[in-house]
Amino acid sequence: MNFTTVAERAQMPLQSPCFQEWVFPDGTPWTRFYRTEAGYLLRFPELADFQVSYDGRSVCCWPVPGVSEASVQQLYLNQVLPLAQSKHGKLVFHASAVEIDGKAVAFIGESGKGKSTLAASFATNGFRFLTDDGLVVELVDGESRVMPSHPSIRLWEDSQEALIAMGAQTAPPVQFTSKARFLAGNEIVFCEQSRSLGCAYFLGETEEQEPLVEPMNPGEALIELVKHSFLLDVEEKEMLAMHFDELSNLVQKPIFYRLNYPRRFEELSNVRRAIVQHASKAGGEA
């Protein structure tokens, strides 16, 4: 991937309307998607414009004046790069993943459901993590493998206080979120090698007193994977057809589960134990 920051510039109105828009729960725009002669323009209002080539292999950025380089880098890593990778035919999901018994175990869900907290909980207790968000799955010799991503985890303040030891290395702060990015090291261990996808847990809506794992049928898993996929162009029929076919093949594997668990930091050790026990057994059966 070729990524360059060109120069600061103000965001001028664009002639064509956006074909897709991501918004926050309160309706505030987060990302607007436009088509251009060169490919796509992703606009993060008051932050930056990213020009992505049609094949997704080249990205140029024009930050709004005053936006920090750290903010640009985090937007690229967590938002633009996963979208661009979808143009390469890769499966990319809003998910975190850790290594258990030599296999990747993924946690998939909406923002705020605990993906990063679970990844950090494992990574600070002897298990290596592969990604905090933007989980890439590639088919290698007939096997679905999770690729390692940027060696860092982003956490809200309460998760930081509960999980991260003093002295852990952090990336520079950014201007659009109060989340801190913690870099992998001795305190937060990272897996640099791809791992076969052993289990995937969709984080449920309910909070149980004890971890509750329920198997999902292929149709249920397919719906959830579609909901949590990064896709640069949701109107490109050929890409959508290929994406749907790949997802349909993936969900035939009996590795997808719904996970509801107590969202209390003091319960995380029990949650980890339950996930390890289940993933070790389920991974052996798969």
Protein backbone atom coordinates (compact mmCIF):
# COMPACT_ATOMS: atom_id res chain seq x y z
CA MET A 1 0.00 0.00 0.00
CA ASN A 2 1.35 3.42 -0.97
CA PHE A 3 0.30 6.14 1.51
CA THR A 4 1.39 9.78 1.31
CA THR A 5 0.35 12.97 3.08
CA VAL A 6 0.35 15.72 0.45
CA ALA A 7 -0.33 19.08 2.11
CA GLU A 8 -2.77 20.82 4.41
CA ARG A 9 -5.86 22.25 2.76
CA ALA A 10 -9.32 23.40 3.74
CA GLN A 11 -12.23 21.15 2.83
CA MET A 12 -14.06 22.77 -0.06
CA PRO A 13 -17.58 21.76 -1.15
CA LEU A 14 -17.64 18.92 -3.68
CA GLN A 15 -19.74 19.01 -6.83
CA SER A 16 -21.16 15.49 -6.64
CA PRO A 17 -23.16 14.19 -3.67
CA CYS A 18 -21.70 11.48 -1.46
CA PHE A 19 -22.92 7.95 -2.20
CA GLN A 20 -22.52 6.77 1.41
CA GLU A 21 -22.23 8.40 4.82
CA TRP A 22 -21.25 7.07 8.22
CA VAL A 23 -22.69 8.95 11.18
CA PHE A 24 -22.38 8.81 14.94
CA PRO A 25 -25.42 7.73 17.02
CA ASP A 26 -26.32 11.41 17.56
CA GLY A 27 -26.40 12.00 13.79
CA THR A 28 -23.05 13.79 13.54
CA PRO A 29 -21.31 12.92 10.24
CA TRP A 30 -18.14 10.83 10.60
CA THR A 31 -17.19 9.77 7.06
CA ARG A 32 -18.57 10.74 3.65
CA PHE A 33 -17.79 8.64 0.57
CA TYR A 34 -17.47 10.24 -2.89
CA ARG A 35 -16.53 8.94 -6.31
CA THR A 36 -13.88 10.84 -8.27
CA GLU A 37 -12.11 10.40 -11.61
CA ALA A 38 -9.15 8.88 -9.75
CA GLY A 39 -11.20 6.56 -7.56
CA TYR A 40 -12.72 7.57 -4.23
CA LEU A 41 -12.53 10.48 -1.82
CA LEU A 42 -13.18 9.78 1.87
CA ARG A 43 -13.97 12.96 3.79
CA PHE A 44 -13.70 13.12 7.57
CA PRO A 45 -15.33 16.50 8.27
CA GLU A 46 -12.94 19.07 9.79
CA LEU A 47 -10.18 16.45 9.89
CA ALA A 48 -8.91 15.24 6.50
CA ASP A 49 -9.65 14.14 2.95
CA PHE A 50 -8.24 10.82 1.73
CA GLN A 51 -8.03 10.07 -2.00
CA VAL A 52 -8.08 6.30 -2.58
CA SER A 53 -7.20 4.92 -6.00
CA TYR A 54 -9.82 2.78 -7.72
CA ASP A 55 -7.81 -0.41 -7.04
CA GLY A 56 -7.23 0.59 -3.40
CA ARG A 57 -3.44 0.42 -3.70
CA SER A 58 -2.64 4.12 -3.37
CA VAL A 59 -3.86 6.64 -0.79
CA CYS A 60 -3.14 10.37 -0.58
CA CYS A 61 -4.18 12.55 2.34
CA TRP A 62 -4.90 16.28 2.64
CA PRO A 63 -5.28 17.16 6.34
CA VAL A 64 -7.32 20.16 7.38
CA PRO A 65 -4.95 22.90 8.65
CA GLY A 66 -4.04 22.28 12.27
CA VAL A 67 -4.79 18.54 12.29
CA SER A 68 -1.86 16.58 13.71
CA GLU A 69 0.13 13.91 11.91
CA ALA A 70 -0.84 11.46 14.67
CA SER A 71 -4.51 12.08 13.91
CA VAL A 72 -3.91 11.50 10.19
CA GLN A 73 -2.05 8.25 10.87
CA GLN A 74 -4.78 6.91 13.14
CA LEU A 75 -7.50 7.77 10.63
CA TYR A 76 -5.50 5.98 7.96
CA LEU A 77 -4.76 2.86 10.03
CA ASN A 78 -8.21 2.38 11.58
CA GLN A 79 -10.55 3.66 8.88
CA VAL A 80 -9.01 4.18 5.45
CA LEU A 81 -6.65 1.20 5.25
CA PRO A 82 -9.31 -1.43 6.07
CA LEU A 83 -11.61 0.12 3.46
CA ALA A 84 -8.86 0.17 0.85
CA GLN A 85 -8.03 -3.46 1.60
CA SER A 86 -11.57 -4.44 0.73
CA LYS A 87 -10.82 -3.36 -2.86
CA HIS A 88 -8.04 -5.98 -2.96
CA GLY A 89 -10.66 -8.70 -2.51
CA LYS A 90 -9.79 -9.17 1.16
CA LEU A 91 -12.34 -9.89 3.88
CA VAL A 92 -12.00 -7.11 6.47
CA PHE A 93 -14.16 -6.87 9.58
CA HIS A 94 -14.73 -4.59 12.56
CA ALA A 95 -13.18 -7.07 14.97
CA SER A 96 -10.29 -7.73 17.32
CA ALA A 97 -8.40 -11.01 17.56
CA VAL A 98 -6.08 -12.83 19.94
CA GLU A 99 -4.08 -16.04 19.76
CA ILE A 100 -5.26 -19.03 21.80
CA ASP A 101 -3.62 -22.45 21.38
CA GLY A 102 -1.92 -21.28 18.19
CA LYS A 103 -5.15 -20.18 16.51
CA ALA A 104 -6.84 -16.82 16.03
CA VAL A 105 -9.92 -16.11 18.13
CA ALA A 106 -11.93 -13.12 16.91
CA PHE A 107 -14.32 -10.79 18.72
CA ILE A 108 -16.78 -9.06 16.39
CA GLY A 109 -19.22 -6.32 17.29
CA GLU A 110 -20.32 -2.71 17.19
CA SER A 111 -18.16 0.06 18.62
CA GLY A 112 -18.41 0.07 22.39
CA LYS A 113 -19.26 -3.63 22.72
CA GLY A 114 -15.87 -4.53 24.20
CA LYS A 115 -13.72 -5.79 21.29
CA SER A 116 -10.64 -3.79 22.30
CA THR A 117 -11.14 -4.40 26.01
CA LEU A 118 -11.23 -8.16 25.46
CA ALA A 119 -8.15 -8.02 23.23
CA ALA A 120 -6.26 -5.95 25.81
CA SER A 121 -7.38 -8.23 28.63
CA PHE A 122 -5.85 -11.22 26.84
CA ALA A 123 -2.76 -9.32 25.67
CA THR A 124 -1.92 -8.20 29.21
CA ASN A 125 -2.33 -11.73 30.60
CA GLY A 126 0.01 -13.83 28.52
CA PHE A 127 -1.94 -14.17 25.26
CA ARG A 128 -0.78 -12.41 22.11
CA PHE A 129 -3.13 -10.20 20.12
CA LEU A 130 -3.25 -9.98 16.33
CA THR A 131 -5.43 -6.92 15.81
CA ASP A 132 -7.44 -4.38 17.75
CA ASP A 133 -9.76 -3.51 14.86
CA GLY A 134 -9.73 -4.06 11.11
CA LEU A 135 -9.41 -7.85 11.13
CA VAL A 136 -8.21 -9.17 7.76
CA VAL A 137 -9.00 -12.77 6.78
CA GLU A 138 -7.18 -14.30 3.81
CA LEU A 139 -7.59 -17.71 2.23
CA VAL A 140 -4.15 -19.38 2.25
CA ASP A 141 -3.88 -22.94 0.86
CA GLY A 142 -7.57 -23.45 1.53
CA GLU A 143 -7.30 -22.19 5.12
CA SER A 144 -8.86 -18.97 6.50
CA ARG A 145 -6.04 -17.07 8.17
CA VAL A 146 -6.12 -13.89 10.26
CA MET A 147 -3.38 -11.42 9.35
CA PRO A 148 -1.63 -9.37 12.04
CA SER A 149 -2.29 -5.64 11.82
CA HIS A 150 -0.79 -2.56 13.49
CA PRO A 151 0.73 -3.60 16.87
CA SER A 152 -1.36 -1.31 19.07
CA ILE A 153 -4.64 -1.25 20.98
CA ARG A 154 -6.95 1.74 21.51
CA LEU A 155 -8.75 1.99 24.86
CA TRP A 156 -11.11 4.30 26.70
CA GLU A 157 -9.92 5.66 30.03
CA ASP A 158 -11.80 3.16 32.22
CA SER A 159 -10.29 0.22 30.32
CA GLN A 160 -6.86 1.82 30.51
CA GLU A 161 -7.08 2.13 34.28
CA ALA A 162 -8.31 -1.45 34.70
CA LEU A 163 -5.90 -3.19 32.32
CA ILE A 164 -2.77 -1.25 31.47
CA ALA A 165 0.25 -1.12 33.77
CA MET A 166 2.06 2.13 34.41
CA GLY A 167 4.82 2.77 31.92
CA ALA A 168 3.20 1.15 28.90
CA GLN A 169 4.25 2.96 25.75
CA THR A 170 1.61 5.10 24.05
CA ALA A 171 1.30 6.71 20.65
CA PRO A 172 0.79 10.51 20.49
CA PRO A 173 -2.76 11.65 21.31
CA VAL A 174 -5.18 12.47 18.49
CA GLN A 175 -7.74 15.24 18.06
CA PHE A 176 -10.93 13.30 17.37
CA THR A 177 -11.13 10.81 20.25
CA SER A 178 -10.12 10.55 23.88
CA LYS A 179 -9.09 6.93 23.36
CA ALA A 180 -5.38 6.31 23.93
CA ARG A 181 -3.38 4.03 21.67
CA PHE A 182 -1.08 1.64 23.54
CA LEU A 183 1.83 0.14 21.62
CA ALA A 184 2.74 -3.53 21.84
CA GLY A 185 5.69 -4.46 24.04
CA ASN A 186 6.46 -6.46 27.16
CA GLU A 187 3.21 -5.36 28.81
CA ILE A 188 0.96 -5.84 25.76
CA VAL A 189 2.16 -8.78 23.68
CA PHE A 190 1.64 -8.97 19.93
CA CYS A 191 1.56 -11.87 17.48
CA GLU A 192 3.45 -11.02 14.28
CA GLN A 193 2.46 -14.18 12.38
CA SER A 194 -0.83 -15.00 10.69
CA ARG A 195 -2.97 -17.57 12.45
CA SER A 196 -5.72 -19.92 11.31
CA LEU A 197 -9.16 -18.66 12.34
CA GLY A 198 -10.24 -21.02 15.11
CA CYS A 199 -13.34 -19.30 16.52
CA ALA A 200 -15.26 -16.06 16.04
CA TYR A 201 -17.49 -14.62 18.76
CA PHE A 202 -20.14 -12.01 18.00
CA LEU A 203 -20.50 -9.85 21.08
CA GLY A 204 -24.16 -9.87 22.08
CA GLU A 205 -26.51 -7.19 23.32
CA THR A 206 -27.30 -8.62 26.75
CA GLU A 207 -25.15 -8.70 29.87
CA GLU A 208 -25.14 -12.07 31.60
CA GLN A 209 -23.99 -12.89 35.11
CA GLU A 210 -21.74 -15.59 33.63
CA PRO A 211 -20.27 -15.90 30.11
CA LEU A 212 -22.83 -17.48 27.80
CA VAL A 213 -21.72 -18.92 24.44
CA GLU A 214 -24.30 -20.03 21.87
CA PRO A 215 -23.58 -21.53 18.43
CA MET A 216 -24.81 -19.64 15.37
CA ASN A 217 -26.07 -21.20 12.18
CA PRO A 218 -24.56 -20.12 8.82
CA GLY A 219 -27.43 -17.76 8.02
CA GLU A 220 -27.12 -15.93 11.34
CA ALA A 221 -23.35 -15.68 11.02
CA LEU A 222 -23.62 -14.40 7.45
CA ILE A 223 -25.94 -11.56 8.47
CA GLU A 224 -23.57 -10.50 11.24
CA LEU A 225 -20.47 -10.67 9.03
CA VAL A 226 -22.16 -8.50 6.40
CA LYS A 227 -23.07 -5.94 9.08
CA HIS A 228 -19.49 -5.75 10.33
CA SER A 229 -17.62 -5.74 7.02
CA PHE A 230 -15.43 -2.90 5.80
CA LEU A 231 -16.45 -2.15 2.18
CA LEU A 232 -15.17 0.84 0.24
CA ASP A 233 -17.92 0.79 -2.40
CA VAL A 234 -21.24 -0.64 -1.27
CA GLU A 235 -22.69 -0.09 -4.75
CA GLU A 236 -20.11 -1.98 -6.82
CA LYS A 237 -22.05 -5.07 -7.82
CA GLU A 238 -19.12 -7.25 -8.87
CA MET A 239 -17.24 -6.64 -5.65
CA LEU A 240 -20.37 -7.17 -3.56
CA ALA A 241 -21.10 -10.47 -5.31
CA MET A 242 -17.54 -11.70 -4.71
CA HIS A 243 -17.67 -10.53 -1.09
CA PHE A 244 -20.97 -12.32 -0.49
CA ASP A 245 -19.66 -15.54 -2.05
CA GLU A 246 -16.57 -15.49 0.16
CA LEU A 247 -18.64 -14.85 3.27
CA SER A 248 -21.03 -17.64 2.30
CA ASN A 249 -18.12 -20.07 2.09
CA LEU A 250 -16.61 -18.86 5.37
CA VAL A 251 -19.78 -19.31 7.43
CA GLN A 252 -20.03 -22.98 6.45
CA LYS A 253 -17.33 -23.60 9.05
CA PRO A 254 -18.76 -24.37 12.52
CA ILE A 255 -16.70 -21.68 14.22
CA PHE A 256 -19.21 -18.86 14.81
CA TYR A 257 -20.79 -18.16 18.18
CA ARG A 258 -22.70 -15.47 20.03
CA LEU A 259 -21.08 -14.37 23.27
CA ASN A 260 -22.86 -12.53 26.08
CA TYR A 261 -20.86 -11.85 29.20
CA PRO A 262 -20.67 -9.58 32.27
CA ARG A 263 -19.29 -6.16 31.32
CA ARG A 264 -17.48 -5.65 34.60
CA PHE A 265 -13.71 -5.40 34.79
CA GLU A 266 -13.55 -7.57 37.91
CA GLU A 267 -15.13 -10.40 35.91
CA LEU A 268 -12.64 -10.32 33.03
CA SER A 269 -10.50 -13.14 34.41
CA ASN A 270 -13.58 -15.40 34.47
CA VAL A 271 -14.53 -14.28 30.96
CA ARG A 272 -11.03 -15.06 29.67
CA ARG A 273 -11.10 -18.47 31.31
CA ALA A 274 -14.48 -19.31 29.78
CA ILE A 275 -13.36 -18.17 26.31
CA VAL A 276 -10.12 -20.15 26.50
CA GLN A 277 -11.94 -23.30 27.57
CA HIS A 278 -14.56 -22.96 24.87
CA ALA A 279 -12.19 -21.90 22.06
CA SER A 280 -9.76 -24.74 22.85
CA LYS A 281 -12.55 -27.31 22.66
CA ALA A 282 -14.36 -25.74 19.68
CA GLY A 283 -11.13 -25.22 17.75
CA GLY A 284 -10.29 -28.88 18.14
CA GLU A 285 -13.71 -29.89 16.80
CA ALA A 286 -13.54 -27.51 13.83
